[in-house]
């Protein structure tokens, strides 16, 4: 992975100028991860913060019934292990590469030093932690108040609202969408197919378009 590519991801993640991005990138070590290789092990103290440069990683945890459940996906520009910077006993689960991936690894002391030296790094970490807390809170509330289909409808509406023409681009990957709404791929597939049959959503070359937002909103509760 060329240093320019790493600096580009750093610059986008931390919203900093090219010179600062290059300086930050120079303090990381690039790590290549084979598919299914563990990037962060939940049974060991976290010693590094990783910035995803390429590929896909996933946090996994065991459910009460022994099933291995996907908790969160990480893609280009996402940080892994930053919570352990502030809480050595933070509840961290295994994070492994889904496909061949590359990350920029920063030792914890190095990353804390970068946060002190560069306000853009500290701000980016703060924003991501707040966004993650908001996402977790929303999932908890929706999990307690909505049915599985209700959560699916709410997430479709939320993603479609970002676009002026109510189109989710590209069409959501069912497995990732199921992860976001704490459901299964099969349940998401059935719900989306039912909405298509009722003419509430439609697929086209652009993605998944919500044709009747008000009808979809009525189905949430």
C-alpha atoms as a PDB file:
ATOM      1  CA  UNK A   1       0.000   0.000   0.000  1.00  0.00           C
ATOM      2  CA  UNK A   2       1.692   3.283  -1.104  1.00  0.00           C
ATOM      3  CA  UNK A   3       2.309   5.889   1.573  1.00  0.00           C
ATOM      4  CA  UNK A   4       0.253   8.391  -0.446  1.00  0.00           C
ATOM      5  CA  UNK A   5      -2.806   6.119  -0.177  1.00  0.00           C
ATOM      6  CA  UNK A   6      -2.400   5.831   3.586  1.00  0.00           C
ATOM      7  CA  UNK A   7      -2.008   9.596   3.951  1.00  0.00           C
ATOM      8  CA  UNK A   8      -5.120  10.089   1.812  1.00  0.00           C
ATOM      9  CA  UNK A   9      -7.221   7.920   4.143  1.00  0.00           C
ATOM     10  CA  UNK A  10      -5.712   9.670   7.179  1.00  0.00           C
ATOM     11  CA  UNK A  11      -6.562  13.052   5.690  1.00  0.00           C
ATOM     12  CA  UNK A  12     -10.172  12.051   5.002  1.00  0.00           C
ATOM     13  CA  UNK A  13     -10.657  10.434   8.411  1.00  0.00           C
ATOM     14  CA  UNK A  14      -9.207  13.272  10.471  1.00  0.00           C
ATOM     15  CA  UNK A  15     -10.174  16.123   8.106  1.00  0.00           C
ATOM     16  CA  UNK A  16      -6.643  17.520   8.059  1.00  0.00           C
ATOM     17  CA  UNK A  17      -4.397  19.068   5.421  1.00  0.00           C
ATOM     18  CA  UNK A  18      -1.998  16.907   3.336  1.00  0.00           C
ATOM     19  CA  UNK A  19       1.068  17.895   5.382  1.00  0.00           C
ATOM     20  CA  UNK A  20      -0.551  16.934   8.673  1.00  0.00           C
ATOM     21  CA  UNK A  21      -1.944  13.742   7.151  1.00  0.00           C
ATOM     22  CA  UNK A  22       1.518  12.719   5.954  1.00  0.00           C
ATOM     23  CA  UNK A  23       2.994  13.396   9.400  1.00  0.00           C
ATOM     24  CA  UNK A  24       0.295  11.309  11.090  1.00  0.00           C
ATOM     25  CA  UNK A  25       0.623   8.469   8.572  1.00  0.00           C
ATOM     26  CA  UNK A  26       4.386   8.353   9.110  1.00  0.00           C
ATOM     27  CA  UNK A  27       3.822   7.329  12.732  1.00  0.00           C
ATOM     28  CA  UNK A  28       1.759   4.259  11.824  1.00  0.00           C
ATOM     29  CA  UNK A  29       2.786   0.794  10.765  1.00  0.00           C
ATOM     30  CA  UNK A  30       0.855  -0.806   7.947  1.00  0.00           C
ATOM     31  CA  UNK A  31      -0.514  -4.249   8.753  1.00  0.00           C
ATOM     32  CA  UNK A  32      -1.867  -6.688   6.195  1.00  0.00           C
ATOM     33  CA  UNK A  33      -4.576  -9.052   7.423  1.00  0.00           C
ATOM     34  CA  UNK A  34      -5.592 -12.259   5.682  1.00  0.00           C
ATOM     35  CA  UNK A  35      -9.296 -13.151   5.518  1.00  0.00           C
ATOM     36  CA  UNK A  36     -10.561 -14.244   8.984  1.00  0.00           C
ATOM     37  CA  UNK A  37      -7.323 -13.082  10.672  1.00  0.00           C
ATOM     38  CA  UNK A  38      -7.831 -11.455  14.070  1.00  0.00           C
ATOM     39  CA  UNK A  39      -6.974  -7.752  14.120  1.00  0.00           C
ATOM     40  CA  UNK A  40      -7.936  -7.070  17.742  1.00  0.00           C
ATOM     41  CA  UNK A  41      -8.397  -9.939  20.197  1.00  0.00           C
ATOM     42  CA  UNK A  42     -11.084  -9.442  22.818  1.00  0.00           C
ATOM     43  CA  UNK A  43      -9.313 -11.604  25.398  1.00  0.00           C
ATOM     44  CA  UNK A  44      -6.162  -9.469  25.462  1.00  0.00           C
ATOM     45  CA  UNK A  45      -5.589  -5.840  26.488  1.00  0.00           C
ATOM     46  CA  UNK A  46      -5.740  -3.570  23.447  1.00  0.00           C
ATOM     47  CA  UNK A  47      -2.346  -2.054  22.728  1.00  0.00           C
ATOM     48  CA  UNK A  48      -3.010  -0.453  19.354  1.00  0.00           C
ATOM     49  CA  UNK A  49      -5.526   1.692  17.527  1.00  0.00           C
ATOM     50  CA  UNK A  50      -6.096   0.654  13.922  1.00  0.00           C
ATOM     51  CA  UNK A  51      -7.272   2.806  11.030  1.00  0.00           C
ATOM     52  CA  UNK A  52      -8.787   0.749   8.215  1.00  0.00           C
ATOM     53  CA  UNK A  53      -7.000   1.584   4.975  1.00  0.00           C
ATOM     54  CA  UNK A  54      -8.550  -1.073   2.767  1.00  0.00           C
ATOM     55  CA  UNK A  55     -10.853  -4.091   3.063  1.00  0.00           C
ATOM     56  CA  UNK A  56     -13.500  -4.985   5.623  1.00  0.00           C
ATOM     57  CA  UNK A  57     -13.345  -6.018   9.286  1.00  0.00           C
ATOM     58  CA  UNK A  58     -16.087  -7.155  11.630  1.00  0.00           C
ATOM     59  CA  UNK A  59     -16.588  -7.292  15.390  1.00  0.00           C
ATOM     60  CA  UNK A  60     -18.064 -10.594  16.528  1.00  0.00           C
ATOM     61  CA  UNK A  61     -19.486 -11.780  19.842  1.00  0.00           C
ATOM     62  CA  UNK A  62     -21.099 -14.939  21.196  1.00  0.00           C
ATOM     63  CA  UNK A  63     -24.817 -14.783  21.950  1.00  0.00           C
ATOM     64  CA  UNK A  64     -26.352 -16.478  24.974  1.00  0.00           C
ATOM     65  CA  UNK A  65     -27.281 -19.515  22.861  1.00  0.00           C
ATOM     66  CA  UNK A  66     -23.711 -19.880  21.592  1.00  0.00           C
ATOM     67  CA  UNK A  67     -24.255 -18.326  18.169  1.00  0.00           C
ATOM     68  CA  UNK A  68     -21.515 -16.075  16.831  1.00  0.00           C
ATOM     69  CA  UNK A  69     -23.173 -12.708  16.138  1.00  0.00           C
ATOM     70  CA  UNK A  70     -21.866  -9.813  14.043  1.00  0.00           C
ATOM     71  CA  UNK A  71     -21.830  -6.589  16.084  1.00  0.00           C
ATOM     72  CA  UNK A  72     -20.270  -3.950  13.830  1.00  0.00           C
ATOM     73  CA  UNK A  73     -18.538  -3.652  10.465  1.00  0.00           C
ATOM     74  CA  UNK A  74     -15.468  -1.504   9.789  1.00  0.00           C
ATOM     75  CA  UNK A  75     -14.463  -0.217   6.364  1.00  0.00           C
ATOM     76  CA  UNK A  76     -11.986   2.230   4.846  1.00  0.00           C
ATOM     77  CA  UNK A  77     -11.537   5.202   7.189  1.00  0.00           C
ATOM     78  CA  UNK A  78     -12.973   3.542  10.310  1.00  0.00           C
ATOM     79  CA  UNK A  79     -11.087   3.355  13.607  1.00  0.00           C
ATOM     80  CA  UNK A  80     -10.756   0.156  15.629  1.00  0.00           C
ATOM     81  CA  UNK A  81      -9.880  -0.046  19.310  1.00  0.00           C
ATOM     82  CA  UNK A  82     -10.053   3.665  20.151  1.00  0.00           C
ATOM     83  CA  UNK A  83     -12.383   3.088  23.143  1.00  0.00           C
ATOM     84  CA  UNK A  84      -9.551   1.306  24.975  1.00  0.00           C
ATOM     85  CA  UNK A  85      -7.573   4.566  24.950  1.00  0.00           C
ATOM     86  CA  UNK A  86      -9.798   5.872  27.746  1.00  0.00           C
ATOM     87  CA  UNK A  87     -10.901   2.676  29.462  1.00  0.00           C
ATOM     88  CA  UNK A  88      -8.434  -0.190  29.792  1.00  0.00           C
ATOM     89  CA  UNK A  89     -11.326  -2.458  30.792  1.00  0.00           C
ATOM     90  CA  UNK A  90     -13.584  -1.436  27.907  1.00  0.00           C
ATOM     91  CA  UNK A  91     -15.762  -4.306  26.689  1.00  0.00           C
ATOM     92  CA  UNK A  92     -13.960  -5.240  23.470  1.00  0.00           C
ATOM     93  CA  UNK A  93     -14.798  -8.275  21.375  1.00  0.00           C
ATOM     94  CA  UNK A  94     -12.796  -9.943  18.635  1.00  0.00           C
ATOM     95  CA  UNK A  95     -12.418  -7.894  15.465  1.00  0.00           C
ATOM     96  CA  UNK A  96     -11.301  -9.896  12.438  1.00  0.00           C
ATOM     97  CA  UNK A  97     -10.783  -9.246   8.748  1.00  0.00           C
ATOM     98  CA  UNK A  98     -13.653 -10.424   6.556  1.00  0.00           C
ATOM     99  CA  UNK A  99     -11.591 -10.136   3.378  1.00  0.00           C
ATOM    100  CA  UNK A 100      -7.904  -9.400   2.795  1.00  0.00           C
ATOM    101  CA  UNK A 101      -7.469  -6.037   4.502  1.00  0.00           C
ATOM    102  CA  UNK A 102      -4.892  -3.438   5.430  1.00  0.00           C
ATOM    103  CA  UNK A 103      -4.830  -1.236   8.515  1.00  0.00           C
ATOM    104  CA  UNK A 104      -2.565   1.488   9.829  1.00  0.00           C
ATOM    105  CA  UNK A 105      -1.629   0.515  13.385  1.00  0.00           C
ATOM    106  CA  UNK A 106      -0.761   3.144  15.999  1.00  0.00           C
ATOM    107  CA  UNK A 107       0.558   2.191  19.419  1.00  0.00           C
ATOM    108  CA  UNK A 108      -1.682   3.625  22.138  1.00  0.00           C
ATOM    109  CA  UNK A 109       0.995   6.055  23.437  1.00  0.00           C
ATOM    110  CA  UNK A 110       1.620   7.217  19.867  1.00  0.00           C
ATOM    111  CA  UNK A 111      -2.057   7.771  19.172  1.00  0.00           C
ATOM    112  CA  UNK A 112      -2.585   9.654  22.430  1.00  0.00           C
ATOM    113  CA  UNK A 113       0.373  11.840  21.522  1.00  0.00           C
ATOM    114  CA  UNK A 114      -1.180  12.520  18.110  1.00  0.00           C
ATOM    115  CA  UNK A 115      -4.437  13.517  19.810  1.00  0.00           C
ATOM    116  CA  UNK A 116      -2.463  15.992  21.947  1.00  0.00           C
ATOM    117  CA  UNK A 117      -0.476  17.404  19.035  1.00  0.00           C
ATOM    118  CA  UNK A 118      -3.252  17.563  16.444  1.00  0.00           C
ATOM    119  CA  UNK A 119      -6.710  18.790  17.432  1.00  0.00           C
ATOM    120  CA  UNK A 120      -8.138  17.254  14.240  1.00  0.00           C
ATOM    121  CA  UNK A 121      -7.329  13.760  15.558  1.00  0.00           C
ATOM    122  CA  UNK A 122      -8.922  14.446  18.956  1.00  0.00           C
ATOM    123  CA  UNK A 123     -12.024  15.939  17.316  1.00  0.00           C
ATOM    124  CA  UNK A 124     -12.385  13.005  14.931  1.00  0.00           C
ATOM    125  CA  UNK A 125     -12.159  10.489  17.776  1.00  0.00           C
ATOM    126  CA  UNK A 126     -14.681  12.469  19.846  1.00  0.00           C
ATOM    127  CA  UNK A 127     -17.138  12.658  16.942  1.00  0.00           C
ATOM    128  CA  UNK A 128     -16.848   8.937  16.262  1.00  0.00           C
ATOM    129  CA  UNK A 129     -17.363   7.975  19.900  1.00  0.00           C
ATOM    130  CA  UNK A 130     -20.405  10.250  20.159  1.00  0.00           C
ATOM    131  CA  UNK A 131     -21.802   8.881  16.885  1.00  0.00           C
ATOM    132  CA  UNK A 132     -21.284   5.326  18.116  1.00  0.00           C
ATOM    133  CA  UNK A 133     -23.005   6.127  21.424  1.00  0.00           C
ATOM    134  CA  UNK A 134     -25.947   7.693  19.554  1.00  0.00           C
ATOM    135  CA  UNK A 135     -26.188   4.657  17.276  1.00  0.00           C
ATOM    136  CA  UNK A 136     -26.129   2.251  20.219  1.00  0.00           C
ATOM    137  CA  UNK A 137     -28.749   4.288  22.076  1.00  0.00           C
ATOM    138  CA  UNK A 138     -30.998   4.357  19.017  1.00  0.00           C
ATOM    139  CA  UNK A 139     -30.662   0.596  18.599  1.00  0.00           C
ATOM    140  CA  UNK A 140     -31.506   0.028  22.261  1.00  0.00           C
ATOM    141  CA  UNK A 141     -34.611   2.202  22.041  1.00  0.00           C
ATOM    142  CA  UNK A 142     -35.775   0.702  18.765  1.00  0.00           C
ATOM    143  CA  UNK A 143     -35.009  -2.807  19.992  1.00  0.00           C
ATOM    144  CA  UNK A 144     -37.213  -2.215  23.034  1.00  0.00           C
ATOM    145  CA  UNK A 145     -40.050  -0.417  21.250  1.00  0.00           C
ATOM    146  CA  UNK A 146     -40.206  -1.755  17.688  1.00  0.00           C
ATOM    147  CA  UNK A 147     -40.740  -5.139  16.090  1.00  0.00           C
ATOM    148  CA  UNK A 148     -38.131  -6.541  13.701  1.00  0.00           C
ATOM    149  CA  UNK A 149     -40.116  -5.260  10.729  1.00  0.00           C
ATOM    150  CA  UNK A 150     -40.532  -1.899  12.429  1.00  0.00           C
ATOM    151  CA  UNK A 151     -36.760  -1.571  12.822  1.00  0.00           C
ATOM    152  CA  UNK A 152     -36.274  -2.507   9.162  1.00  0.00           C
ATOM    153  CA  UNK A 153     -38.815   0.090   8.017  1.00  0.00           C
ATOM    154  CA  UNK A 154     -37.270   2.765  10.245  1.00  0.00           C
ATOM    155  CA  UNK A 155     -33.763   2.081   8.920  1.00  0.00           C
ATOM    156  CA  UNK A 156     -34.942   2.133   5.294  1.00  0.00           C
ATOM    157  CA  UNK A 157     -36.614   5.479   5.898  1.00  0.00           C
ATOM    158  CA  UNK A 158     -33.523   6.832   7.671  1.00  0.00           C
ATOM    159  CA  UNK A 159     -31.156   5.825   4.871  1.00  0.00           C
ATOM    160  CA  UNK A 160     -33.478   7.069   2.114  1.00  0.00           C
ATOM    161  CA  UNK A 161     -33.922  10.502   3.724  1.00  0.00           C
ATOM    162  CA  UNK A 162     -30.281  11.301   3.012  1.00  0.00           C
ATOM    163  CA  UNK A 163     -31.045  11.514  -0.731  1.00  0.00           C
ATOM    164  CA  UNK A 164     -33.242  14.191  -2.305  1.00  0.00           C
ATOM    165  CA  UNK A 165     -35.006  11.562  -4.414  1.00  0.00           C
ATOM    166  CA  UNK A 166     -35.397   9.046  -1.573  1.00  0.00           C
ATOM    167  CA  UNK A 167     -33.008   6.534  -3.150  1.00  0.00           C
ATOM    168  CA  UNK A 168     -30.531   4.459  -1.169  1.00  0.00           C
ATOM    169  CA  UNK A 169     -27.365   4.299  -3.282  1.00  0.00           C
ATOM    170  CA  UNK A 170     -26.123   1.663  -3.706  1.00  0.00           C
ATOM    171  CA  UNK A 171     -28.897  -0.728  -2.702  1.00  0.00           C
ATOM    172  CA  UNK A 172     -28.178  -1.998   0.832  1.00  0.00           C
ATOM    173  CA  UNK A 173     -26.322  -5.256   1.313  1.00  0.00           C
ATOM    174  CA  UNK A 174     -28.823  -7.404   3.183  1.00  0.00           C
ATOM    175  CA  UNK A 175     -26.330  -8.901   5.631  1.00  0.00           C
ATOM    176  CA  UNK A 176     -24.993  -5.471   6.598  1.00  0.00           C
ATOM    177  CA  UNK A 177     -28.502  -4.021   6.799  1.00  0.00           C
ATOM    178  CA  UNK A 178     -29.547  -6.880   9.100  1.00  0.00           C
ATOM    179  CA  UNK A 179     -26.582  -6.076  11.336  1.00  0.00           C
ATOM    180  CA  UNK A 180     -27.725  -2.441  11.619  1.00  0.00           C
ATOM    181  CA  UNK A 181     -31.254  -3.404  12.714  1.00  0.00           C
ATOM    182  CA  UNK A 182     -30.326  -6.378  14.909  1.00  0.00           C
ATOM    183  CA  UNK A 183     -32.146  -8.855  12.729  1.00  0.00           C
ATOM    184  CA  UNK A 184     -31.350 -11.635  10.273  1.00  0.00           C
ATOM    185  CA  UNK A 185     -30.685 -11.489   6.563  1.00  0.00           C
ATOM    186  CA  UNK A 186     -33.745 -13.667   5.904  1.00  0.00           C
ATOM    187  CA  UNK A 187     -36.059 -11.361   7.879  1.00  0.00           C
ATOM    188  CA  UNK A 188     -34.728  -8.296   6.067  1.00  0.00           C
ATOM    189  CA  UNK A 189     -35.139  -9.997   2.690  1.00  0.00           C
ATOM    190  CA  UNK A 190     -38.771 -10.926   3.437  1.00  0.00           C
ATOM    191  CA  UNK A 191     -39.591  -7.413   4.658  1.00  0.00           C
ATOM    192  CA  UNK A 192     -38.051  -5.724   1.608  1.00  0.00           C
ATOM    193  CA  UNK A 193     -39.792  -8.128  -0.778  1.00  0.00           C
ATOM    194  CA  UNK A 194     -43.123  -7.414   0.925  1.00  0.00           C
ATOM    195  CA  UNK A 195     -42.592  -3.668   0.563  1.00  0.00           C
ATOM    196  CA  UNK A 196     -41.770  -4.097  -3.120  1.00  0.00           C
ATOM    197  CA  UNK A 197     -44.959  -6.076  -3.726  1.00  0.00           C
ATOM    198  CA  UNK A 198     -46.982  -3.308  -2.074  1.00  0.00           C
ATOM    199  CA  UNK A 199     -45.334  -0.660  -4.239  1.00  0.00           C
ATOM    200  CA  UNK A 200     -43.805   1.176  -1.294  1.00  0.00           C
ATOM    201  CA  UNK A 201     -40.221   0.699  -2.507  1.00  0.00           C
ATOM    202  CA  UNK A 202     -38.708  -0.239  -5.861  1.00  0.00           C
ATOM    203  CA  UNK A 203     -35.320  -1.340  -7.138  1.00  0.00           C
ATOM    204  CA  UNK A 204     -33.705   0.317 -10.152  1.00  0.00           C
ATOM    205  CA  UNK A 205     -30.236   0.775 -11.614  1.00  0.00           C
ATOM    206  CA  UNK A 206     -29.498   3.516  -9.079  1.00  0.00           C
ATOM    207  CA  UNK A 207     -30.354   1.564  -5.953  1.00  0.00           C
ATOM    208  CA  UNK A 208     -33.391   1.117  -3.728  1.00  0.00           C
ATOM    209  CA  UNK A 209     -35.974   3.913  -3.993  1.00  0.00           C
ATOM    210  CA  UNK A 210     -38.671   4.669  -1.429  1.00  0.00           C
ATOM    211  CA  UNK A 211     -41.740   5.554  -3.508  1.00  0.00           C
ATOM    212  CA  UNK A 212     -44.172   6.153  -0.648  1.00  0.00           C
ATOM    213  CA  UNK A 213     -42.294   7.549   2.405  1.00  0.00           C
ATOM    214  CA  UNK A 214     -45.483   8.275   4.350  1.00  0.00           C
ATOM    215  CA  UNK A 215     -46.760   4.736   3.914  1.00  0.00           C
ATOM    216  CA  UNK A 216     -43.398   3.368   5.008  1.00  0.00           C
ATOM    217  CA  UNK A 217     -43.435   5.627   8.084  1.00  0.00           C
ATOM    218  CA  UNK A 218     -46.893   4.344   9.010  1.00  0.00           C
ATOM    219  CA  UNK A 219     -45.531   0.784   9.064  1.00  0.00           C
ATOM    220  CA  UNK A 220     -42.828   1.530  11.629  1.00  0.00           C
ATOM    221  CA  UNK A 221     -45.172   1.333  14.653  1.00  0.00           C
END
